[in-house]
């Protein structure tokens, strides 16, 4: 496992998400140098790989449940075992988004995952800068303490009330579904009302207006004929 890229794994044996440093590999194991290693170094490397594999198996067990036995034999080389572990670890990083985000944070700020020495302050700033920062924020300490106290004094709701609210969730979902159905029905009724109003206006109002206009036109034509006849009658009487 490339410890420069994957310097920690997750302590899932306790169902926590905190990162833990893995046992670093102090030497790079290569295929060309395996034949010349002594037994102590080889056994140390194999035991380290076995520890890494056991942690990775615990993670896979918690994430995916019981897994089948690994087909690899005990005679596999340390390099093959490391490659298999790195492949499986990369698979976990690609499947679990939180792990990938934590790896990005570690690559950007590795100091966050390394506990400081007891004799050193948990900062890289000078003591004067730390003092200035603390003094600048001293005015907000009482307000923060008061807020924390008020939060601590907030009563926790009774379990019965929480259970009653949780029991209302199915009913609320049913009401929401009813509201959605009612909104769809109202939209359909609005569309039908618009069609009825449009039909009434075109066939009723416009039809009546056209009828009245036609009658007025016919009356005007009759009046013109009557006036013409009266004028002709008056002219004939004058002659």
C-alpha atoms as a PDB file:
ATOM      1  CA  UNK A   1       0.000   0.000   0.000  1.00  0.00           C
ATOM      2  CA  UNK A   2       1.438   3.371  -1.006  1.00  0.00           C
ATOM      3  CA  UNK A   3       1.619   5.106   2.373  1.00  0.00           C
ATOM      4  CA  UNK A   4       2.426   8.441   0.758  1.00  0.00           C
ATOM      5  CA  UNK A   5      -1.049   8.497  -0.795  1.00  0.00           C
ATOM      6  CA  UNK A   6      -2.920   6.370   1.766  1.00  0.00           C
ATOM      7  CA  UNK A   7      -1.303   7.165   5.136  1.00  0.00           C
ATOM      8  CA  UNK A   8      -4.292   6.150   7.231  1.00  0.00           C
ATOM      9  CA  UNK A   9      -7.364   3.952   7.306  1.00  0.00           C
ATOM     10  CA  UNK A  10     -10.583   4.279   9.253  1.00  0.00           C
ATOM     11  CA  UNK A  11     -11.111   2.711  12.668  1.00  0.00           C
ATOM     12  CA  UNK A  12     -14.345   0.978  11.740  1.00  0.00           C
ATOM     13  CA  UNK A  13     -13.892  -1.668  14.432  1.00  0.00           C
ATOM     14  CA  UNK A  14     -15.425   0.927  16.795  1.00  0.00           C
ATOM     15  CA  UNK A  15     -17.898   2.315  14.233  1.00  0.00           C
ATOM     16  CA  UNK A  16     -16.146   5.673  14.245  1.00  0.00           C
ATOM     17  CA  UNK A  17     -15.126   7.827  11.336  1.00  0.00           C
ATOM     18  CA  UNK A  18     -11.923   9.172  12.843  1.00  0.00           C
ATOM     19  CA  UNK A  19      -8.743   8.546  10.876  1.00  0.00           C
ATOM     20  CA  UNK A  20      -5.994   6.402  12.333  1.00  0.00           C
ATOM     21  CA  UNK A  21      -2.450   6.267  11.181  1.00  0.00           C
ATOM     22  CA  UNK A  22      -1.515   2.936   9.723  1.00  0.00           C
ATOM     23  CA  UNK A  23       1.745   1.261  10.461  1.00  0.00           C
ATOM     24  CA  UNK A  24       4.166   2.895   8.030  1.00  0.00           C
ATOM     25  CA  UNK A  25       6.290   0.765   5.781  1.00  0.00           C
ATOM     26  CA  UNK A  26       9.804   1.886   6.543  1.00  0.00           C
ATOM     27  CA  UNK A  27      11.269   0.507   3.358  1.00  0.00           C
ATOM     28  CA  UNK A  28      10.069   0.139  -0.202  1.00  0.00           C
ATOM     29  CA  UNK A  29       9.606  -3.513  -1.062  1.00  0.00           C
ATOM     30  CA  UNK A  30      10.428  -4.253  -4.660  1.00  0.00           C
ATOM     31  CA  UNK A  31      10.557  -7.468  -6.606  1.00  0.00           C
ATOM     32  CA  UNK A  32      14.282  -7.163  -7.254  1.00  0.00           C
ATOM     33  CA  UNK A  33      15.210  -6.810  -3.586  1.00  0.00           C
ATOM     34  CA  UNK A  34      12.966  -9.544  -2.123  1.00  0.00           C
ATOM     35  CA  UNK A  35      15.544 -12.228  -2.841  1.00  0.00           C
ATOM     36  CA  UNK A  36      18.248 -10.409  -0.882  1.00  0.00           C
ATOM     37  CA  UNK A  37      16.229  -9.515   2.192  1.00  0.00           C
ATOM     38  CA  UNK A  38      16.923 -11.372   5.370  1.00  0.00           C
ATOM     39  CA  UNK A  39      14.236 -13.327   7.146  1.00  0.00           C
ATOM     40  CA  UNK A  40      13.667 -10.749   9.885  1.00  0.00           C
ATOM     41  CA  UNK A  41      12.899  -7.914   7.469  1.00  0.00           C
ATOM     42  CA  UNK A  42      10.753 -10.187   5.297  1.00  0.00           C
ATOM     43  CA  UNK A  43       8.748 -11.424   8.277  1.00  0.00           C
ATOM     44  CA  UNK A  44       8.305  -7.844   9.507  1.00  0.00           C
ATOM     45  CA  UNK A  45       7.001  -6.747   6.119  1.00  0.00           C
ATOM     46  CA  UNK A  46       4.646  -9.711   5.881  1.00  0.00           C
ATOM     47  CA  UNK A  47       3.312  -9.104   9.384  1.00  0.00           C
ATOM     48  CA  UNK A  48       2.758  -5.426   8.535  1.00  0.00           C
ATOM     49  CA  UNK A  49       0.884  -6.410   5.388  1.00  0.00           C
ATOM     50  CA  UNK A  50      -1.169  -8.903   7.389  1.00  0.00           C
ATOM     51  CA  UNK A  51      -2.134  -6.169   9.854  1.00  0.00           C
ATOM     52  CA  UNK A  52      -3.127  -3.862   7.009  1.00  0.00           C
ATOM     53  CA  UNK A  53      -5.134  -6.628   5.394  1.00  0.00           C
ATOM     54  CA  UNK A  54      -6.959  -7.390   8.645  1.00  0.00           C
ATOM     55  CA  UNK A  55      -7.946  -3.729   9.027  1.00  0.00           C
ATOM     56  CA  UNK A  56      -9.109  -3.558   5.440  1.00  0.00           C
ATOM     57  CA  UNK A  57     -11.110  -6.758   5.902  1.00  0.00           C
ATOM     58  CA  UNK A  58     -12.836  -5.231   8.943  1.00  0.00           C
ATOM     59  CA  UNK A  59     -13.771  -2.186   6.864  1.00  0.00           C
ATOM     60  CA  UNK A  60     -15.106  -4.354   4.042  1.00  0.00           C
ATOM     61  CA  UNK A  61     -17.016  -6.493   6.532  1.00  0.00           C
ATOM     62  CA  UNK A  62     -18.703  -3.443   8.079  1.00  0.00           C
ATOM     63  CA  UNK A  63     -19.516  -1.944   4.683  1.00  0.00           C
ATOM     64  CA  UNK A  64     -20.496  -4.982   2.634  1.00  0.00           C
ATOM     65  CA  UNK A  65     -21.118  -7.735   5.182  1.00  0.00           C
ATOM     66  CA  UNK A  66     -19.434 -11.149   5.232  1.00  0.00           C
ATOM     67  CA  UNK A  67     -17.172 -11.752   2.251  1.00  0.00           C
ATOM     68  CA  UNK A  68     -15.910 -14.923   0.669  1.00  0.00           C
ATOM     69  CA  UNK A  69     -12.513 -16.273   1.606  1.00  0.00           C
ATOM     70  CA  UNK A  70      -9.615 -14.796  -0.344  1.00  0.00           C
ATOM     71  CA  UNK A  71      -8.321 -17.192  -3.015  1.00  0.00           C
ATOM     72  CA  UNK A  72      -4.726 -15.988  -2.575  1.00  0.00           C
ATOM     73  CA  UNK A  73      -2.404 -18.451  -0.896  1.00  0.00           C
ATOM     74  CA  UNK A  74      -0.057 -17.847   1.975  1.00  0.00           C
ATOM     75  CA  UNK A  75       2.925 -18.095  -0.372  1.00  0.00           C
ATOM     76  CA  UNK A  76       2.127 -14.847  -2.209  1.00  0.00           C
ATOM     77  CA  UNK A  77       4.911 -12.307  -2.170  1.00  0.00           C
ATOM     78  CA  UNK A  78       4.704  -9.109  -0.160  1.00  0.00           C
ATOM     79  CA  UNK A  79       4.553  -7.033  -3.348  1.00  0.00           C
ATOM     80  CA  UNK A  80       1.524  -8.969  -4.620  1.00  0.00           C
ATOM     81  CA  UNK A  81      -0.200  -8.602  -1.286  1.00  0.00           C
ATOM     82  CA  UNK A  82       0.560  -4.866  -1.236  1.00  0.00           C
ATOM     83  CA  UNK A  83      -0.796  -4.442  -4.756  1.00  0.00           C
ATOM     84  CA  UNK A  84      -3.969  -6.311  -3.812  1.00  0.00           C
ATOM     85  CA  UNK A  85      -4.406  -4.206  -0.675  1.00  0.00           C
ATOM     86  CA  UNK A  86      -3.853  -0.984  -2.607  1.00  0.00           C
ATOM     87  CA  UNK A  87      -6.365  -2.053  -5.256  1.00  0.00           C
ATOM     88  CA  UNK A  88      -8.989  -2.867  -2.641  1.00  0.00           C
ATOM     89  CA  UNK A  89      -8.294   0.362  -0.755  1.00  0.00           C
ATOM     90  CA  UNK A  90      -8.689   2.391  -3.962  1.00  0.00           C
ATOM     91  CA  UNK A  91     -11.957   0.544  -4.564  1.00  0.00           C
ATOM     92  CA  UNK A  92     -13.185   1.665  -1.148  1.00  0.00           C
ATOM     93  CA  UNK A  93     -12.139   5.254  -1.864  1.00  0.00           C
ATOM     94  CA  UNK A  94     -14.034   5.235  -5.152  1.00  0.00           C
ATOM     95  CA  UNK A  95     -17.173   3.689  -3.616  1.00  0.00           C
ATOM     96  CA  UNK A  96     -17.304   5.697  -0.375  1.00  0.00           C
ATOM     97  CA  UNK A  97     -17.315   9.423  -1.072  1.00  0.00           C
ATOM     98  CA  UNK A  98     -16.507  10.401   2.523  1.00  0.00           C
ATOM     99  CA  UNK A  99     -13.234   8.468   2.432  1.00  0.00           C
ATOM    100  CA  UNK A 100     -12.205  10.199  -0.789  1.00  0.00           C
ATOM    101  CA  UNK A 101     -12.983  13.616   0.691  1.00  0.00           C
ATOM    102  CA  UNK A 102     -10.946  12.792   3.803  1.00  0.00           C
ATOM    103  CA  UNK A 103      -8.031  11.740   1.616  1.00  0.00           C
ATOM    104  CA  UNK A 104      -8.218  15.080  -0.220  1.00  0.00           C
ATOM    105  CA  UNK A 105      -8.223  16.912   3.108  1.00  0.00           C
ATOM    106  CA  UNK A 106      -5.240  14.893   4.288  1.00  0.00           C
ATOM    107  CA  UNK A 107      -3.296  15.588   1.104  1.00  0.00           C
ATOM    108  CA  UNK A 108      -4.023  19.317   1.475  1.00  0.00           C
ATOM    109  CA  UNK A 109      -3.525  19.573   5.264  1.00  0.00           C
ATOM    110  CA  UNK A 110      -1.609  16.556   6.589  1.00  0.00           C
ATOM    111  CA  UNK A 111      -0.878  18.317   9.868  1.00  0.00           C
ATOM    112  CA  UNK A 112      -4.536  18.011  10.861  1.00  0.00           C
ATOM    113  CA  UNK A 113      -4.169  14.231  11.208  1.00  0.00           C
ATOM    114  CA  UNK A 114      -0.916  14.300  13.200  1.00  0.00           C
ATOM    115  CA  UNK A 115      -1.229  14.939  16.951  1.00  0.00           C
ATOM    116  CA  UNK A 116       1.145  17.699  18.119  1.00  0.00           C
ATOM    117  CA  UNK A 117       3.819  17.025  20.667  1.00  0.00           C
ATOM    118  CA  UNK A 118       2.814  17.832  24.269  1.00  0.00           C
ATOM    119  CA  UNK A 119       5.577  20.412  24.597  1.00  0.00           C
ATOM    120  CA  UNK A 120       4.572  22.252  21.425  1.00  0.00           C
ATOM    121  CA  UNK A 121       1.495  24.482  21.054  1.00  0.00           C
ATOM    122  CA  UNK A 122      -1.102  23.213  18.551  1.00  0.00           C
ATOM    123  CA  UNK A 123      -0.285  25.904  16.022  1.00  0.00           C
ATOM    124  CA  UNK A 124       2.467  26.988  13.688  1.00  0.00           C
ATOM    125  CA  UNK A 125       2.103  30.672  14.570  1.00  0.00           C
ATOM    126  CA  UNK A 126       4.480  32.601  16.740  1.00  0.00           C
ATOM    127  CA  UNK A 127       3.512  33.085  20.422  1.00  0.00           C
ATOM    128  CA  UNK A 128       2.955  36.798  19.779  1.00  0.00           C
ATOM    129  CA  UNK A 129       0.546  36.042  16.938  1.00  0.00           C
ATOM    130  CA  UNK A 130      -1.306  33.493  19.074  1.00  0.00           C
ATOM    131  CA  UNK A 131      -1.575  36.017  21.903  1.00  0.00           C
ATOM    132  CA  UNK A 132      -2.877  38.701  19.543  1.00  0.00           C
ATOM    133  CA  UNK A 133      -5.471  36.311  18.125  1.00  0.00           C
ATOM    134  CA  UNK A 134      -6.677  35.301  21.587  1.00  0.00           C
ATOM    135  CA  UNK A 135      -6.875  38.896  22.811  1.00  0.00           C
ATOM    136  CA  UNK A 136      -8.738  39.980  19.682  1.00  0.00           C
ATOM    137  CA  UNK A 137     -11.388  37.324  20.311  1.00  0.00           C
ATOM    138  CA  UNK A 138     -11.538  37.775  24.081  1.00  0.00           C
ATOM    139  CA  UNK A 139     -14.656  39.951  23.859  1.00  0.00           C
ATOM    140  CA  UNK A 140     -16.632  37.132  22.243  1.00  0.00           C
ATOM    141  CA  UNK A 141     -15.784  34.566  24.926  1.00  0.00           C
ATOM    142  CA  UNK A 142     -18.562  35.600  27.385  1.00  0.00           C
ATOM    143  CA  UNK A 143     -21.171  35.663  24.608  1.00  0.00           C
ATOM    144  CA  UNK A 144     -20.059  32.245  23.399  1.00  0.00           C
ATOM    145  CA  UNK A 145     -20.135  30.856  26.940  1.00  0.00           C
ATOM    146  CA  UNK A 146     -23.626  32.295  27.450  1.00  0.00           C
ATOM    147  CA  UNK A 147     -24.831  30.753  24.178  1.00  0.00           C
ATOM    148  CA  UNK A 148     -23.404  27.373  25.125  1.00  0.00           C
ATOM    149  CA  UNK A 149     -25.037  27.604  28.545  1.00  0.00           C
ATOM    150  CA  UNK A 150     -28.409  28.448  27.007  1.00  0.00           C
ATOM    151  CA  UNK A 151     -28.071  25.534  24.610  1.00  0.00           C
ATOM    152  CA  UNK A 152     -27.199  23.250  27.498  1.00  0.00           C
ATOM    153  CA  UNK A 153     -30.233  24.491  29.441  1.00  0.00           C
ATOM    154  CA  UNK A 154     -32.648  23.829  26.569  1.00  0.00           C
ATOM    155  CA  UNK A 155     -34.993  21.021  27.593  1.00  0.00           C
ATOM    156  CA  UNK A 156     -34.969  17.895  25.515  1.00  0.00           C
ATOM    157  CA  UNK A 157     -38.444  16.925  24.261  1.00  0.00           C
ATOM    158  CA  UNK A 158     -40.049  13.900  25.796  1.00  0.00           C
ATOM    159  CA  UNK A 159     -39.638  10.639  23.854  1.00  0.00           C
ATOM    160  CA  UNK A 160     -43.414  10.311  23.715  1.00  0.00           C
ATOM    161  CA  UNK A 161     -43.690  13.628  21.865  1.00  0.00           C
ATOM    162  CA  UNK A 162     -41.034  12.604  19.369  1.00  0.00           C
ATOM    163  CA  UNK A 163     -42.783   9.266  18.879  1.00  0.00           C
ATOM    164  CA  UNK A 164     -46.117  11.056  18.373  1.00  0.00           C
ATOM    165  CA  UNK A 165     -44.578  13.330  15.751  1.00  0.00           C
ATOM    166  CA  UNK A 166     -42.971  10.359  14.029  1.00  0.00           C
ATOM    167  CA  UNK A 167     -46.316   8.546  13.966  1.00  0.00           C
ATOM    168  CA  UNK A 168     -47.826  11.518  12.114  1.00  0.00           C
ATOM    169  CA  UNK A 169     -45.388  11.203   9.222  1.00  0.00           C
ATOM    170  CA  UNK A 170     -47.488   8.645   7.248  1.00  0.00           C
ATOM    171  CA  UNK A 171     -50.589  10.790   7.726  1.00  0.00           C
ATOM    172  CA  UNK A 172     -48.728  13.899   6.570  1.00  0.00           C
ATOM    173  CA  UNK A 173     -47.510  12.054   3.498  1.00  0.00           C
ATOM    174  CA  UNK A 174     -51.087  11.006   2.737  1.00  0.00           C
ATOM    175  CA  UNK A 175     -52.248  14.613   3.106  1.00  0.00           C
ATOM    176  CA  UNK A 176     -49.460  15.744   0.811  1.00  0.00           C
ATOM    177  CA  UNK A 177     -50.515  13.193  -1.810  1.00  0.00           C
ATOM    178  CA  UNK A 178     -54.132  14.380  -1.485  1.00  0.00           C
ATOM    179  CA  UNK A 179     -53.041  17.993  -1.967  1.00  0.00           C
ATOM    180  CA  UNK A 180     -51.080  17.065  -5.073  1.00  0.00           C
ATOM    181  CA  UNK A 181     -54.130  15.262  -6.485  1.00  0.00           C
ATOM    182  CA  UNK A 182     -56.354  18.238  -5.652  1.00  0.00           C
ATOM    183  CA  UNK A 183     -53.949  20.635  -7.354  1.00  0.00           C
ATOM    184  CA  UNK A 184     -53.983  18.477 -10.481  1.00  0.00           C
ATOM    185  CA  UNK A 185     -57.807  18.356 -10.414  1.00  0.00           C
ATOM    186  CA  UNK A 186     -57.995  22.130  -9.933  1.00  0.00           C
ATOM    187  CA  UNK A 187     -55.674  22.670 -12.890  1.00  0.00           C
ATOM    188  CA  UNK A 188     -57.907  20.451 -15.032  1.00  0.00           C
ATOM    189  CA  UNK A 189     -61.028  22.329 -13.878  1.00  0.00           C
ATOM    190  CA  UNK A 190     -59.408  25.674 -14.709  1.00  0.00           C
ATOM    191  CA  UNK A 191     -58.594  24.454 -18.209  1.00  0.00           C
ATOM    192  CA  UNK A 192     -62.154  23.195 -18.712  1.00  0.00           C
ATOM    193  CA  UNK A 193     -63.596  26.474 -17.368  1.00  0.00           C
ATOM    194  CA  UNK A 194     -61.486  28.436 -19.827  1.00  0.00           C
ATOM    195  CA  UNK A 195     -62.772  26.293 -22.688  1.00  0.00           C
ATOM    196  CA  UNK A 196     -66.415  26.752 -21.575  1.00  0.00           C
ATOM    197  CA  UNK A 197     -65.988  30.522 -21.198  1.00  0.00           C
ATOM    198  CA  UNK A 198     -64.336  30.765 -24.600  1.00  0.00           C
ATOM    199  CA  UNK A 199     -67.119  28.738 -26.234  1.00  0.00           C
ATOM    200  CA  UNK A 200     -69.844  30.844 -24.544  1.00  0.00           C
ATOM    201  CA  UNK A 201     -68.202  34.072 -25.630  1.00  0.00           C
ATOM    202  CA  UNK A 202     -67.710  32.972 -29.227  1.00  0.00           C
ATOM    203  CA  UNK A 203     -71.107  31.334 -29.693  1.00  0.00           C
ATOM    204  CA  UNK A 204     -73.243  33.438 -27.352  1.00  0.00           C
ATOM    205  CA  UNK A 205     -71.914  36.970 -27.119  1.00  0.00           C
ATOM    206  CA  UNK A 206     -70.360  37.203 -30.564  1.00  0.00           C
ATOM    207  CA  UNK A 207     -73.338  35.390 -32.150  1.00  0.00           C
ATOM    208  CA  UNK A 208     -75.834  37.774 -30.535  1.00  0.00           C
ATOM    209  CA  UNK A 209     -73.761  40.771 -31.604  1.00  0.00           C
ATOM    210  CA  UNK A 210     -73.682  39.544 -35.188  1.00  0.00           C
ATOM    211  CA  UNK A 211     -77.470  38.980 -35.119  1.00  0.00           C
ATOM    212  CA  UNK A 212     -78.125  42.501 -33.793  1.00  0.00           C
ATOM    213  CA  UNK A 213     -75.804  43.997 -36.390  1.00  0.00           C
ATOM    214  CA  UNK A 214     -77.617  42.112 -39.161  1.00  0.00           C
ATOM    215  CA  UNK A 215     -81.033  43.290 -37.935  1.00  0.00           C
ATOM    216  CA  UNK A 216     -79.841  46.901 -37.745  1.00  0.00           C
ATOM    217  CA  UNK A 217     -78.529  46.669 -41.290  1.00  0.00           C
ATOM    218  CA  UNK A 218     -81.840  45.327 -42.589  1.00  0.00           C
ATOM    219  CA  UNK A 219     -83.780  48.063 -40.745  1.00  0.00           C
ATOM    220  CA  UNK A 220     -81.562  50.741 -42.268  1.00  0.00           C
ATOM    221  CA  UNK A 221     -82.134  49.347 -45.747  1.00  0.00           C
ATOM    222  CA  UNK A 222     -85.920  49.321 -45.204  1.00  0.00           C
ATOM    223  CA  UNK A 223     -85.818  52.922 -43.938  1.00  0.00           C
ATOM    224  CA  UNK A 224     -83.917  54.043 -47.018  1.00  0.00           C
ATOM    225  CA  UNK A 225     -86.491  52.387 -49.283  1.00  0.00           C
ATOM    226  CA  UNK A 226     -89.376  53.998 -47.396  1.00  0.00           C
ATOM    227  CA  UNK A 227     -87.793  57.432 -47.639  1.00  0.00           C
ATOM    228  CA  UNK A 228     -87.124  56.957 -51.313  1.00  0.00           C
ATOM    229  CA  UNK A 229     -90.750  55.955 -51.898  1.00  0.00           C
ATOM    230  CA  UNK A 230     -92.038  58.972 -49.932  1.00  0.00           C
ATOM    231  CA  UNK A 231     -89.765  61.307 -51.882  1.00  0.00           C
ATOM    232  CA  UNK A 232     -90.970  59.899 -55.204  1.00  0.00           C
ATOM    233  CA  UNK A 233     -94.566  60.240 -54.068  1.00  0.00           C
ATOM    234  CA  UNK A 234     -94.042  63.884 -53.080  1.00  0.00           C
ATOM    235  CA  UNK A 235     -92.374  64.670 -56.401  1.00  0.00           C
ATOM    236  CA  UNK A 236     -95.235  63.052 -58.319  1.00  0.00           C
ATOM    237  CA  UNK A 237     -97.798  65.064 -56.347  1.00  0.00           C
ATOM    238  CA  UNK A 238     -95.942  68.291 -57.059  1.00  0.00           C
ATOM    239  CA  UNK A 239     -96.010  67.687 -60.805  1.00  0.00           C
END
